[in-house]
């Protein structure tokens, strides 16, 4: 709230967009995250 009142509400959208892209990059670079569902399906099939 105070930040948007000070620098403009549109700046929060730029910050949010950058953080979302960073989240996607990190998820892609961590193998246990990227392959979580593949490993889950293999475990369920084995059960």
ModelCIF file with pLDDT and N, C-alpha, C, O atoms, coordinates in Angstrom:
data_MODEL
#
_entry.id   MODEL 
#
_entity.id                         1 
_entity.type                       polymer 
_entity.pdbx_number_of_molecules   1 
#
_entity_poly.entity_id                      1 
_entity_poly.type                           'polypeptide(L)' 
_entity_poly.nstd_linkage                   no 
_entity_poly.nstd_monomer                   no 
_entity_poly.pdbx_seq_one_letter_code       
;(UNK)(UNK)(UNK)(UNK)(UNK)(UNK)(UNK)(UNK)(UNK)(UNK)(UNK)(UNK)(UNK)(UNK)(UNK)(UNK)
(UNK)(UNK)(UNK)(UNK)(UNK)(UNK)(UNK)(UNK)(UNK)(UNK)(UNK)(UNK)(UNK)(UNK)(UNK)(UNK)
(UNK)(UNK)(UNK)(UNK)(UNK)(UNK)(UNK)(UNK)(UNK)(UNK)(UNK)(UNK)(UNK)(UNK)(UNK)
;
_entity_poly.pdbx_seq_one_letter_code_can   XXXXXXXXXXXXXXXXXXXXXXXXXXXXXXXXXXXXXXXXXXXXXXX 
_entity_poly.pdbx_strand_id                 A 
#
loop_
_entity_poly_seq.entity_id 
_entity_poly_seq.num 
_entity_poly_seq.mon_id 
_entity_poly_seq.hetero 
1 1  UNK n 
1 2  UNK n 
1 3  UNK n 
1 4  UNK n 
1 5  UNK n 
1 6  UNK n 
1 7  UNK n 
1 8  UNK n 
1 9  UNK n 
1 10 UNK n 
1 11 UNK n 
1 12 UNK n 
1 13 UNK n 
1 14 UNK n 
1 15 UNK n 
1 16 UNK n 
1 17 UNK n 
1 18 UNK n 
1 19 UNK n 
1 20 UNK n 
1 21 UNK n 
1 22 UNK n 
1 23 UNK n 
1 24 UNK n 
1 25 UNK n 
1 26 UNK n 
1 27 UNK n 
1 28 UNK n 
1 29 UNK n 
1 30 UNK n 
1 31 UNK n 
1 32 UNK n 
1 33 UNK n 
1 34 UNK n 
1 35 UNK n 
1 36 UNK n 
1 37 UNK n 
1 38 UNK n 
1 39 UNK n 
1 40 UNK n 
1 41 UNK n 
1 42 UNK n 
1 43 UNK n 
1 44 UNK n 
1 45 UNK n 
1 46 UNK n 
1 47 UNK n 
#
_struct_asym.id          A 
_struct_asym.entity_id   1 
#
loop_
_ma_qa_metric.id 
_ma_qa_metric.mode 
_ma_qa_metric.name 
_ma_qa_metric.software_group_id 
_ma_qa_metric.type 
1 global pLDDT . pLDDT 
2 local  pLDDT . pLDDT 
#
_ma_qa_metric_global.metric_id      1 
_ma_qa_metric_global.metric_value   86.83 
_ma_qa_metric_global.model_id       1 
_ma_qa_metric_global.ordinal_id     1 
#
loop_
_ma_qa_metric_local.label_asym_id 
_ma_qa_metric_local.label_comp_id 
_ma_qa_metric_local.label_seq_id 
_ma_qa_metric_local.metric_id 
_ma_qa_metric_local.metric_value 
_ma_qa_metric_local.model_id 
_ma_qa_metric_local.ordinal_id 
A UNK 1  2 73.00 1 1  
A UNK 2  2 78.00 1 2  
A UNK 3  2 79.00 1 3  
A UNK 4  2 78.00 1 4  
A UNK 5  2 77.00 1 5  
A UNK 6  2 80.00 1 6  
A UNK 7  2 82.00 1 7  
A UNK 8  2 80.00 1 8  
A UNK 9  2 83.00 1 9  
A UNK 10 2 87.00 1 10 
A UNK 11 2 89.00 1 11 
A UNK 12 2 88.00 1 12 
A UNK 13 2 92.00 1 13 
A UNK 14 2 92.00 1 14 
A UNK 15 2 91.00 1 15 
A UNK 16 2 91.00 1 16 
A UNK 17 2 93.00 1 17 
A UNK 18 2 94.00 1 18 
A UNK 19 2 93.00 1 19 
A UNK 20 2 92.00 1 20 
A UNK 21 2 94.00 1 21 
A UNK 22 2 94.00 1 22 
A UNK 23 2 93.00 1 23 
A UNK 24 2 93.00 1 24 
A UNK 25 2 94.00 1 25 
A UNK 26 2 94.00 1 26 
A UNK 27 2 92.00 1 27 
A UNK 28 2 94.00 1 28 
A UNK 29 2 93.00 1 29 
A UNK 30 2 91.00 1 30 
A UNK 31 2 91.00 1 31 
A UNK 32 2 90.00 1 32 
A UNK 33 2 89.00 1 33 
A UNK 34 2 90.00 1 34 
A UNK 35 2 89.00 1 35 
A UNK 36 2 87.00 1 36 
A UNK 37 2 87.00 1 37 
A UNK 38 2 87.00 1 38 
A UNK 39 2 86.00 1 39 
A UNK 40 2 84.00 1 40 
A UNK 41 2 83.00 1 41 
A UNK 42 2 85.00 1 42 
A UNK 43 2 82.00 1 43 
A UNK 44 2 78.00 1 44 
A UNK 45 2 79.00 1 45 
A UNK 46 2 79.00 1 46 
A UNK 47 2 71.00 1 47 
#
loop_
_atom_site.group_PDB 
_atom_site.id 
_atom_site.type_symbol 
_atom_site.label_atom_id 
_atom_site.label_alt_id 
_atom_site.label_comp_id 
_atom_site.label_asym_id 
_atom_site.label_entity_id 
_atom_site.label_seq_id 
_atom_site.pdbx_PDB_ins_code 
_atom_site.Cartn_x 
_atom_site.Cartn_y 
_atom_site.Cartn_z 
_atom_site.occupancy 
_atom_site.B_iso_or_equiv 
_atom_site.pdbx_formal_charge 
_atom_site.auth_seq_id 
_atom_site.auth_comp_id 
_atom_site.auth_asym_id 
_atom_site.auth_atom_id 
_atom_site.pdbx_PDB_model_num 
ATOM 1   N N  . UNK A 1 1  ? 0.803  -1.222  0.000   1.00 73.00 ? 1  UNK A N  1 
ATOM 2   C CA . UNK A 1 1  ? 0.000  0.000   0.000   1.00 73.00 ? 1  UNK A CA 1 
ATOM 3   C C  . UNK A 1 1  ? 0.831  1.265   0.000   1.00 73.00 ? 1  UNK A C  1 
ATOM 4   O O  . UNK A 1 1  ? 0.707  2.080   -0.914  1.00 73.00 ? 1  UNK A O  1 
ATOM 5   N N  . UNK A 1 2  ? 1.688  1.453   1.019   1.00 78.00 ? 2  UNK A N  1 
ATOM 6   C CA . UNK A 1 2  ? 2.535  2.651   1.031   1.00 78.00 ? 2  UNK A CA 1 
ATOM 7   C C  . UNK A 1 2  ? 3.434  2.752   -0.202  1.00 78.00 ? 2  UNK A C  1 
ATOM 8   O O  . UNK A 1 2  ? 3.668  3.847   -0.713  1.00 78.00 ? 2  UNK A O  1 
ATOM 9   N N  . UNK A 1 3  ? 3.942  1.601   -0.683  1.00 79.00 ? 3  UNK A N  1 
ATOM 10  C CA . UNK A 1 3  ? 4.830  1.612   -1.846  1.00 79.00 ? 3  UNK A CA 1 
ATOM 11  C C  . UNK A 1 3  ? 4.069  2.056   -3.093  1.00 79.00 ? 3  UNK A C  1 
ATOM 12  O O  . UNK A 1 3  ? 4.575  2.859   -3.877  1.00 79.00 ? 3  UNK A O  1 
ATOM 13  N N  . UNK A 1 4  ? 2.848  1.533   -3.280  1.00 78.00 ? 4  UNK A N  1 
ATOM 14  C CA . UNK A 1 4  ? 2.040  1.913   -4.440  1.00 78.00 ? 4  UNK A CA 1 
ATOM 15  C C  . UNK A 1 4  ? 1.655  3.384   -4.374  1.00 78.00 ? 4  UNK A C  1 
ATOM 16  O O  . UNK A 1 4  ? 1.651  4.071   -5.395  1.00 78.00 ? 4  UNK A O  1 
ATOM 17  N N  . UNK A 1 5  ? 1.331  3.872   -3.177  1.00 77.00 ? 5  UNK A N  1 
ATOM 18  C CA . UNK A 1 5  ? 1.000  5.292   -3.035  1.00 77.00 ? 5  UNK A CA 1 
ATOM 19  C C  . UNK A 1 5  ? 2.209  6.170   -3.342  1.00 77.00 ? 5  UNK A C  1 
ATOM 20  O O  . UNK A 1 5  ? 2.052  7.307   -3.787  1.00 77.00 ? 5  UNK A O  1 
ATOM 21  N N  . UNK A 1 6  ? 3.428  5.646   -3.107  1.00 80.00 ? 6  UNK A N  1 
ATOM 22  C CA . UNK A 1 6  ? 4.648  6.437   -3.277  1.00 80.00 ? 6  UNK A CA 1 
ATOM 23  C C  . UNK A 1 6  ? 5.184  6.391   -4.711  1.00 80.00 ? 6  UNK A C  1 
ATOM 24  O O  . UNK A 1 6  ? 5.533  7.433   -5.266  1.00 80.00 ? 6  UNK A O  1 
ATOM 25  N N  . UNK A 1 7  ? 5.255  5.198   -5.323  1.00 82.00 ? 7  UNK A N  1 
ATOM 26  C CA . UNK A 1 7  ? 5.915  5.072   -6.638  1.00 82.00 ? 7  UNK A CA 1 
ATOM 27  C C  . UNK A 1 7  ? 4.938  4.811   -7.774  1.00 82.00 ? 7  UNK A C  1 
ATOM 28  O O  . UNK A 1 7  ? 5.324  4.840   -8.942  1.00 82.00 ? 7  UNK A O  1 
ATOM 29  N N  . UNK A 1 8  ? 3.678  4.555   -7.443  1.00 80.00 ? 8  UNK A N  1 
ATOM 30  C CA . UNK A 1 8  ? 2.691  4.280   -8.479  1.00 80.00 ? 8  UNK A CA 1 
ATOM 31  C C  . UNK A 1 8  ? 2.302  2.816   -8.504  1.00 80.00 ? 8  UNK A C  1 
ATOM 32  O O  . UNK A 1 8  ? 3.158  1.937   -8.404  1.00 80.00 ? 8  UNK A O  1 
ATOM 33  N N  . UNK A 1 9  ? 1.018  2.554   -8.638  1.00 83.00 ? 9  UNK A N  1 
ATOM 34  C CA . UNK A 1 9  ? 0.515  1.185   -8.579  1.00 83.00 ? 9  UNK A CA 1 
ATOM 35  C C  . UNK A 1 9  ? 1.048  0.339   -9.733  1.00 83.00 ? 9  UNK A C  1 
ATOM 36  O O  . UNK A 1 9  ? 1.200  -0.874  -9.586  1.00 83.00 ? 9  UNK A O  1 
ATOM 37  N N  . UNK A 1 10 ? 1.335  0.965   -10.884 1.00 87.00 ? 10 UNK A N  1 
ATOM 38  C CA . UNK A 1 10 ? 1.806  0.203   -12.050 1.00 87.00 ? 10 UNK A CA 1 
ATOM 39  C C  . UNK A 1 10 ? 3.173  -0.439  -11.819 1.00 87.00 ? 10 UNK A C  1 
ATOM 40  O O  . UNK A 1 10 ? 3.499  -1.458  -12.429 1.00 87.00 ? 10 UNK A O  1 
ATOM 41  N N  . UNK A 1 11 ? 3.971  0.165   -10.933 1.00 89.00 ? 11 UNK A N  1 
ATOM 42  C CA . UNK A 1 11 ? 5.302  -0.388  -10.660 1.00 89.00 ? 11 UNK A CA 1 
ATOM 43  C C  . UNK A 1 11 ? 5.207  -1.745  -9.963  1.00 89.00 ? 11 UNK A C  1 
ATOM 44  O O  . UNK A 1 11 ? 6.089  -2.588  -10.128 1.00 89.00 ? 11 UNK A O  1 
ATOM 45  N N  . UNK A 1 12 ? 4.156  -1.959  -9.195  1.00 88.00 ? 12 UNK A N  1 
ATOM 46  C CA . UNK A 1 12 ? 3.971  -3.251  -8.534  1.00 88.00 ? 12 UNK A CA 1 
ATOM 47  C C  . UNK A 1 12 ? 3.757  -4.368  -9.550  1.00 88.00 ? 12 UNK A C  1 
ATOM 48  O O  . UNK A 1 12 ? 4.137  -5.513  -9.303  1.00 88.00 ? 12 UNK A O  1 
ATOM 49  N N  . UNK A 1 13 ? 3.153  -4.043  -10.687 1.00 92.00 ? 13 UNK A N  1 
ATOM 50  C CA . UNK A 1 13 ? 2.934  -5.048  -11.723 1.00 92.00 ? 13 UNK A CA 1 
ATOM 51  C C  . UNK A 1 13 ? 4.264  -5.457  -12.371 1.00 92.00 ? 13 UNK A C  1 
ATOM 52  O O  . UNK A 1 13 ? 4.460  -6.629  -12.694 1.00 92.00 ? 13 UNK A O  1 
ATOM 53  N N  . UNK A 1 14 ? 5.161  -4.512  -12.558 1.00 92.00 ? 14 UNK A N  1 
ATOM 54  C CA . UNK A 1 14 ? 6.483  -4.829  -13.113 1.00 92.00 ? 14 UNK A CA 1 
ATOM 55  C C  . UNK A 1 14 ? 7.256  -5.732  -12.157 1.00 92.00 ? 14 UNK A C  1 
ATOM 56  O O  . UNK A 1 14 ? 7.859  -6.718  -12.580 1.00 92.00 ? 14 UNK A O  1 
ATOM 57  N N  . UNK A 1 15 ? 7.237  -5.398  -10.878 1.00 91.00 ? 15 UNK A N  1 
ATOM 58  C CA . UNK A 1 15 ? 7.928  -6.205  -9.859  1.00 91.00 ? 15 UNK A CA 1 
ATOM 59  C C  . UNK A 1 15 ? 7.350  -7.616  -9.820  1.00 91.00 ? 15 UNK A C  1 
ATOM 60  O O  . UNK A 1 15 ? 8.095  -8.594  -9.753  1.00 91.00 ? 15 UNK A O  1 
ATOM 61  N N  . UNK A 1 16 ? 6.013  -7.720  -9.862  1.00 91.00 ? 16 UNK A N  1 
ATOM 62  C CA . UNK A 1 16 ? 5.353  -9.028  -9.812  1.00 91.00 ? 16 UNK A CA 1 
ATOM 63  C C  . UNK A 1 16 ? 5.710  -9.864  -11.044 1.00 91.00 ? 16 UNK A C  1 
ATOM 64  O O  . UNK A 1 16 ? 5.942  -11.068 -10.928 1.00 91.00 ? 16 UNK A O  1 
ATOM 65  N N  . UNK A 1 17 ? 5.753  -9.239  -12.213 1.00 93.00 ? 17 UNK A N  1 
ATOM 66  C CA . UNK A 1 17 ? 6.083  -9.963  -13.439 1.00 93.00 ? 17 UNK A CA 1 
ATOM 67  C C  . UNK A 1 17 ? 7.491  -10.542 -13.406 1.00 93.00 ? 17 UNK A C  1 
ATOM 68  O O  . UNK A 1 17 ? 7.706  -11.686 -13.808 1.00 93.00 ? 17 UNK A O  1 
ATOM 69  N N  . UNK A 1 18 ? 8.449  -9.752  -12.927 1.00 94.00 ? 18 UNK A N  1 
ATOM 70  C CA . UNK A 1 18 ? 9.833  -10.227 -12.833 1.00 94.00 ? 18 UNK A CA 1 
ATOM 71  C C  . UNK A 1 18 ? 9.930  -11.397 -11.859 1.00 94.00 ? 18 UNK A C  1 
ATOM 72  O O  . UNK A 1 18 ? 10.623 -12.376 -12.135 1.00 94.00 ? 18 UNK A O  1 
ATOM 73  N N  . UNK A 1 19 ? 9.238  -11.300 -10.719 1.00 93.00 ? 19 UNK A N  1 
ATOM 74  C CA . UNK A 1 19 ? 9.301  -12.371 -9.709  1.00 93.00 ? 19 UNK A CA 1 
ATOM 75  C C  . UNK A 1 19 ? 8.681  -13.671 -10.231 1.00 93.00 ? 19 UNK A C  1 
ATOM 76  O O  . UNK A 1 19 ? 9.171  -14.756 -9.918  1.00 93.00 ? 19 UNK A O  1 
ATOM 77  N N  . UNK A 1 20 ? 7.617  -13.572 -11.016 1.00 92.00 ? 20 UNK A N  1 
ATOM 78  C CA . UNK A 1 20 ? 6.989  -14.768 -11.586 1.00 92.00 ? 20 UNK A CA 1 
ATOM 79  C C  . UNK A 1 20 ? 7.935  -15.467 -12.559 1.00 92.00 ? 20 UNK A C  1 
ATOM 80  O O  . UNK A 1 20 ? 8.039  -16.694 -12.559 1.00 92.00 ? 20 UNK A O  1 
ATOM 81  N N  . UNK A 1 21 ? 8.621  -14.684 -13.385 1.00 94.00 ? 21 UNK A N  1 
ATOM 82  C CA . UNK A 1 21 ? 9.575  -15.266 -14.328 1.00 94.00 ? 21 UNK A CA 1 
ATOM 83  C C  . UNK A 1 21 ? 10.731 -15.936 -13.590 1.00 94.00 ? 21 UNK A C  1 
ATOM 84  O O  . UNK A 1 21 ? 11.180 -17.009 -13.992 1.00 94.00 ? 21 UNK A O  1 
ATOM 85  N N  . UNK A 1 22 ? 11.215 -15.315 -12.515 1.00 94.00 ? 22 UNK A N  1 
ATOM 86  C CA . UNK A 1 22 ? 12.280 -15.914 -11.702 1.00 94.00 ? 22 UNK A CA 1 
ATOM 87  C C  . UNK A 1 22 ? 11.816 -17.237 -11.103 1.00 94.00 ? 22 UNK A C  1 
ATOM 88  O O  . UNK A 1 22 ? 12.578 -18.203 -11.060 1.00 94.00 ? 22 UNK A O  1 
ATOM 89  N N  . UNK A 1 23 ? 10.552 -17.284 -10.635 1.00 93.00 ? 23 UNK A N  1 
ATOM 90  C CA . UNK A 1 23 ? 9.992  -18.516 -10.068 1.00 93.00 ? 23 UNK A CA 1 
ATOM 91  C C  . UNK A 1 23 ? 10.011 -19.635 -11.103 1.00 93.00 ? 23 UNK A C  1 
ATOM 92  O O  . UNK A 1 23 ? 10.363 -20.770 -10.784 1.00 93.00 ? 23 UNK A O  1 
ATOM 93  N N  . UNK A 1 24 ? 9.632  -19.320 -12.344 1.00 93.00 ? 24 UNK A N  1 
ATOM 94  C CA . UNK A 1 24 ? 9.645  -20.321 -13.398 1.00 93.00 ? 24 UNK A CA 1 
ATOM 95  C C  . UNK A 1 24 ? 11.050 -20.823 -13.702 1.00 93.00 ? 24 UNK A C  1 
ATOM 96  O O  . UNK A 1 24 ? 11.246 -22.019 -13.915 1.00 93.00 ? 24 UNK A O  1 
ATOM 97  N N  . UNK A 1 25 ? 12.030 -19.919 -13.725 1.00 94.00 ? 25 UNK A N  1 
ATOM 98  C CA . UNK A 1 25 ? 13.423 -20.308 -14.000 1.00 94.00 ? 25 UNK A CA 1 
ATOM 99  C C  . UNK A 1 25 ? 13.944 -21.244 -12.915 1.00 94.00 ? 25 UNK A C  1 
ATOM 100 O O  . UNK A 1 25 ? 14.558 -22.267 -13.216 1.00 94.00 ? 25 UNK A O  1 
ATOM 101 N N  . UNK A 1 26 ? 13.697 -20.892 -11.649 1.00 94.00 ? 26 UNK A N  1 
ATOM 102 C CA . UNK A 1 26 ? 14.161 -21.717 -10.530 1.00 94.00 ? 26 UNK A CA 1 
ATOM 103 C C  . UNK A 1 26 ? 13.526 -23.100 -10.578 1.00 94.00 ? 26 UNK A C  1 
ATOM 104 O O  . UNK A 1 26 ? 14.210 -24.104 -10.377 1.00 94.00 ? 26 UNK A O  1 
ATOM 105 N N  . UNK A 1 27 ? 12.213 -23.160 -10.845 1.00 92.00 ? 27 UNK A N  1 
ATOM 106 C CA . UNK A 1 27 ? 11.520 -24.452 -10.919 1.00 92.00 ? 27 UNK A CA 1 
ATOM 107 C C  . UNK A 1 27 ? 12.094 -25.323 -12.029 1.00 92.00 ? 27 UNK A C  1 
ATOM 108 O O  . UNK A 1 27 ? 12.211 -26.538 -11.865 1.00 92.00 ? 27 UNK A O  1 
ATOM 109 N N  . UNK A 1 28 ? 12.452 -24.716 -13.154 1.00 94.00 ? 28 UNK A N  1 
ATOM 110 C CA . UNK A 1 28 ? 12.999 -25.469 -14.285 1.00 94.00 ? 28 UNK A CA 1 
ATOM 111 C C  . UNK A 1 28 ? 14.394 -26.000 -13.975 1.00 94.00 ? 28 UNK A C  1 
ATOM 112 O O  . UNK A 1 28 ? 14.770 -27.069 -14.456 1.00 94.00 ? 28 UNK A O  1 
ATOM 113 N N  . UNK A 1 29 ? 15.165 -25.263 -13.177 1.00 93.00 ? 29 UNK A N  1 
ATOM 114 C CA . UNK A 1 29 ? 16.558 -25.631 -12.922 1.00 93.00 ? 29 UNK A CA 1 
ATOM 115 C C  . UNK A 1 29 ? 16.724 -26.663 -11.811 1.00 93.00 ? 29 UNK A C  1 
ATOM 116 O O  . UNK A 1 29 ? 17.805 -27.233 -11.663 1.00 93.00 ? 29 UNK A O  1 
ATOM 117 N N  . UNK A 1 30 ? 15.675 -26.917 -11.025 1.00 91.00 ? 30 UNK A N  1 
ATOM 118 C CA . UNK A 1 30 ? 15.763 -27.900 -9.940  1.00 91.00 ? 30 UNK A CA 1 
ATOM 119 C C  . UNK A 1 30 ? 15.155 -29.213 -10.427 1.00 91.00 ? 30 UNK A C  1 
ATOM 120 O O  . UNK A 1 30 ? 13.938 -29.290 -10.595 1.00 91.00 ? 30 UNK A O  1 
ATOM 121 N N  . UNK A 1 31 ? 15.967 -30.247 -10.657 1.00 91.00 ? 31 UNK A N  1 
ATOM 122 C CA . UNK A 1 31 ? 15.459 -31.501 -11.231 1.00 91.00 ? 31 UNK A CA 1 
ATOM 123 C C  . UNK A 1 31 ? 14.332 -32.140 -10.433 1.00 91.00 ? 31 UNK A C  1 
ATOM 124 O O  . UNK A 1 31 ? 13.376 -32.644 -11.022 1.00 91.00 ? 31 UNK A O  1 
ATOM 125 N N  . UNK A 1 32 ? 14.423 -32.130 -9.094  1.00 90.00 ? 32 UNK A N  1 
ATOM 126 C CA . UNK A 1 32 ? 13.403 -32.795 -8.278  1.00 90.00 ? 32 UNK A CA 1 
ATOM 127 C C  . UNK A 1 32 ? 12.056 -32.083 -8.387  1.00 90.00 ? 32 UNK A C  1 
ATOM 128 O O  . UNK A 1 32 ? 11.012 -32.683 -8.128  1.00 90.00 ? 32 UNK A O  1 
ATOM 129 N N  . UNK A 1 33 ? 12.077 -30.809 -8.767  1.00 89.00 ? 33 UNK A N  1 
ATOM 130 C CA . UNK A 1 33 ? 10.838 -30.059 -9.014  1.00 89.00 ? 33 UNK A CA 1 
ATOM 131 C C  . UNK A 1 33 ? 10.340 -30.322 -10.428 1.00 89.00 ? 33 UNK A C  1 
ATOM 132 O O  . UNK A 1 33 ? 9.175  -30.663 -10.632 1.00 89.00 ? 33 UNK A O  1 
ATOM 133 N N  . UNK A 1 34 ? 11.215 -30.163 -11.385 1.00 90.00 ? 34 UNK A N  1 
ATOM 134 C CA . UNK A 1 34 ? 10.845 -30.333 -12.793 1.00 90.00 ? 34 UNK A CA 1 
ATOM 135 C C  . UNK A 1 34 ? 10.283 -31.728 -13.073 1.00 90.00 ? 34 UNK A C  1 
ATOM 136 O O  . UNK A 1 34 ? 9.369  -31.883 -13.883 1.00 90.00 ? 34 UNK A O  1 
ATOM 137 N N  . UNK A 1 35 ? 10.832 -32.739 -12.400 1.00 89.00 ? 35 UNK A N  1 
ATOM 138 C CA . UNK A 1 35 ? 10.423 -34.125 -12.649 1.00 89.00 ? 35 UNK A CA 1 
ATOM 139 C C  . UNK A 1 35 ? 9.516  -34.685 -11.547 1.00 89.00 ? 35 UNK A C  1 
ATOM 140 O O  . UNK A 1 35 ? 9.353  -35.900 -11.436 1.00 89.00 ? 35 UNK A O  1 
ATOM 141 N N  . UNK A 1 36 ? 8.930  -33.805 -10.736 1.00 87.00 ? 36 UNK A N  1 
ATOM 142 C CA . UNK A 1 36 ? 8.144  -34.293 -9.603  1.00 87.00 ? 36 UNK A CA 1 
ATOM 143 C C  . UNK A 1 36 ? 6.992  -35.186 -10.045 1.00 87.00 ? 36 UNK A C  1 
ATOM 144 O O  . UNK A 1 36 ? 6.793  -36.266 -9.488  1.00 87.00 ? 36 UNK A O  1 
ATOM 145 N N  . UNK A 1 37 ? 6.243  -34.746 -11.030 1.00 87.00 ? 37 UNK A N  1 
ATOM 146 C CA . UNK A 1 37 ? 5.069  -35.527 -11.447 1.00 87.00 ? 37 UNK A CA 1 
ATOM 147 C C  . UNK A 1 37 ? 5.485  -36.828 -12.120 1.00 87.00 ? 37 UNK A C  1 
ATOM 148 O O  . UNK A 1 37 ? 4.833  -37.855 -11.935 1.00 87.00 ? 37 UNK A O  1 
ATOM 149 N N  . UNK A 1 38 ? 6.551  -36.798 -12.890 1.00 87.00 ? 38 UNK A N  1 
ATOM 150 C CA . UNK A 1 38 ? 7.027  -38.018 -13.543 1.00 87.00 ? 38 UNK A CA 1 
ATOM 151 C C  . UNK A 1 38 ? 7.406  -39.069 -12.495 1.00 87.00 ? 38 UNK A C  1 
ATOM 152 O O  . UNK A 1 38 ? 7.069  -40.245 -12.633 1.00 87.00 ? 38 UNK A O  1 
ATOM 153 N N  . UNK A 1 39 ? 8.113  -38.631 -11.442 1.00 86.00 ? 39 UNK A N  1 
ATOM 154 C CA . UNK A 1 39 ? 8.491  -39.551 -10.370 1.00 86.00 ? 39 UNK A CA 1 
ATOM 155 C C  . UNK A 1 39 ? 7.262  -40.024 -9.593  1.00 86.00 ? 39 UNK A C  1 
ATOM 156 O O  . UNK A 1 39 ? 7.188  -41.180 -9.177  1.00 86.00 ? 39 UNK A O  1 
ATOM 157 N N  . UNK A 1 40 ? 6.291  -39.111 -9.400  1.00 84.00 ? 40 UNK A N  1 
ATOM 158 C CA . UNK A 1 40 ? 5.061  -39.466 -8.689  1.00 84.00 ? 40 UNK A CA 1 
ATOM 159 C C  . UNK A 1 40 ? 4.295  -40.544 -9.442  1.00 84.00 ? 40 UNK A C  1 
ATOM 160 O O  . UNK A 1 40 ? 3.838  -41.516 -8.840  1.00 84.00 ? 40 UNK A O  1 
ATOM 161 N N  . UNK A 1 41 ? 4.151  -40.380 -10.742 1.00 83.00 ? 41 UNK A N  1 
ATOM 162 C CA . UNK A 1 41 ? 3.413  -41.361 -11.541 1.00 83.00 ? 41 UNK A CA 1 
ATOM 163 C C  . UNK A 1 41 ? 4.113  -42.722 -11.544 1.00 83.00 ? 41 UNK A C  1 
ATOM 164 O O  . UNK A 1 41 ? 3.456  -43.763 -11.531 1.00 83.00 ? 41 UNK A O  1 
ATOM 165 N N  . UNK A 1 42 ? 5.441  -42.708 -11.562 1.00 85.00 ? 42 UNK A N  1 
ATOM 166 C CA . UNK A 1 42 ? 6.187  -43.969 -11.509 1.00 85.00 ? 42 UNK A CA 1 
ATOM 167 C C  . UNK A 1 42 ? 5.955  -44.668 -10.178 1.00 85.00 ? 42 UNK A C  1 
ATOM 168 O O  . UNK A 1 42 ? 5.792  -45.888 -10.133 1.00 85.00 ? 42 UNK A O  1 
ATOM 169 N N  . UNK A 1 43 ? 5.940  -43.901 -9.098  1.00 82.00 ? 43 UNK A N  1 
ATOM 170 C CA . UNK A 1 43 ? 5.714  -44.478 -7.768  1.00 82.00 ? 43 UNK A CA 1 
ATOM 171 C C  . UNK A 1 43 ? 4.300  -45.039 -7.641  1.00 82.00 ? 43 UNK A C  1 
ATOM 172 O O  . UNK A 1 43 ? 4.102  -46.111 -7.069  1.00 82.00 ? 43 UNK A O  1 
ATOM 173 N N  . UNK A 1 44 ? 3.328  -44.320 -8.171  1.00 78.00 ? 44 UNK A N  1 
ATOM 174 C CA . UNK A 1 44 ? 1.944  -44.796 -8.103  1.00 78.00 ? 44 UNK A CA 1 
ATOM 175 C C  . UNK A 1 44 ? 1.753  -46.058 -8.941  1.00 78.00 ? 44 UNK A C  1 
ATOM 176 O O  . UNK A 1 44 ? 1.029  -46.971 -8.545  1.00 78.00 ? 44 UNK A O  1 
ATOM 177 N N  . UNK A 1 45 ? 2.405  -46.101 -10.093 1.00 79.00 ? 45 UNK A N  1 
ATOM 178 C CA . UNK A 1 45 ? 2.306  -47.290 -10.946 1.00 79.00 ? 45 UNK A CA 1 
ATOM 179 C C  . UNK A 1 45 ? 2.925  -48.491 -10.254 1.00 79.00 ? 45 UNK A C  1 
ATOM 180 O O  . UNK A 1 45 ? 2.416  -49.607 -10.365 1.00 79.00 ? 45 UNK A O  1 
ATOM 181 N N  . UNK A 1 46 ? 4.028  -48.267 -9.537  1.00 79.00 ? 46 UNK A N  1 
ATOM 182 C CA . UNK A 1 46 ? 4.701  -49.350 -8.826  1.00 79.00 ? 46 UNK A CA 1 
ATOM 183 C C  . UNK A 1 46 ? 3.835  -49.883 -7.690  1.00 79.00 ? 46 UNK A C  1 
ATOM 184 O O  . UNK A 1 46 ? 3.838  -51.081 -7.407  1.00 79.00 ? 46 UNK A O  1 
ATOM 185 N N  . UNK A 1 47 ? 3.086  -48.976 -7.035  1.00 71.00 ? 47 UNK A N  1 
ATOM 186 C CA . UNK A 1 47 ? 2.222  -49.389 -5.931  1.00 71.00 ? 47 UNK A CA 1 
ATOM 187 C C  . UNK A 1 47 ? 1.096  -50.300 -6.399  1.00 71.00 ? 47 UNK A C  1 
ATOM 188 O O  . UNK A 1 47 ? 0.279  -50.738 -5.590  1.00 71.00 ? 47 UNK A O  1 
#
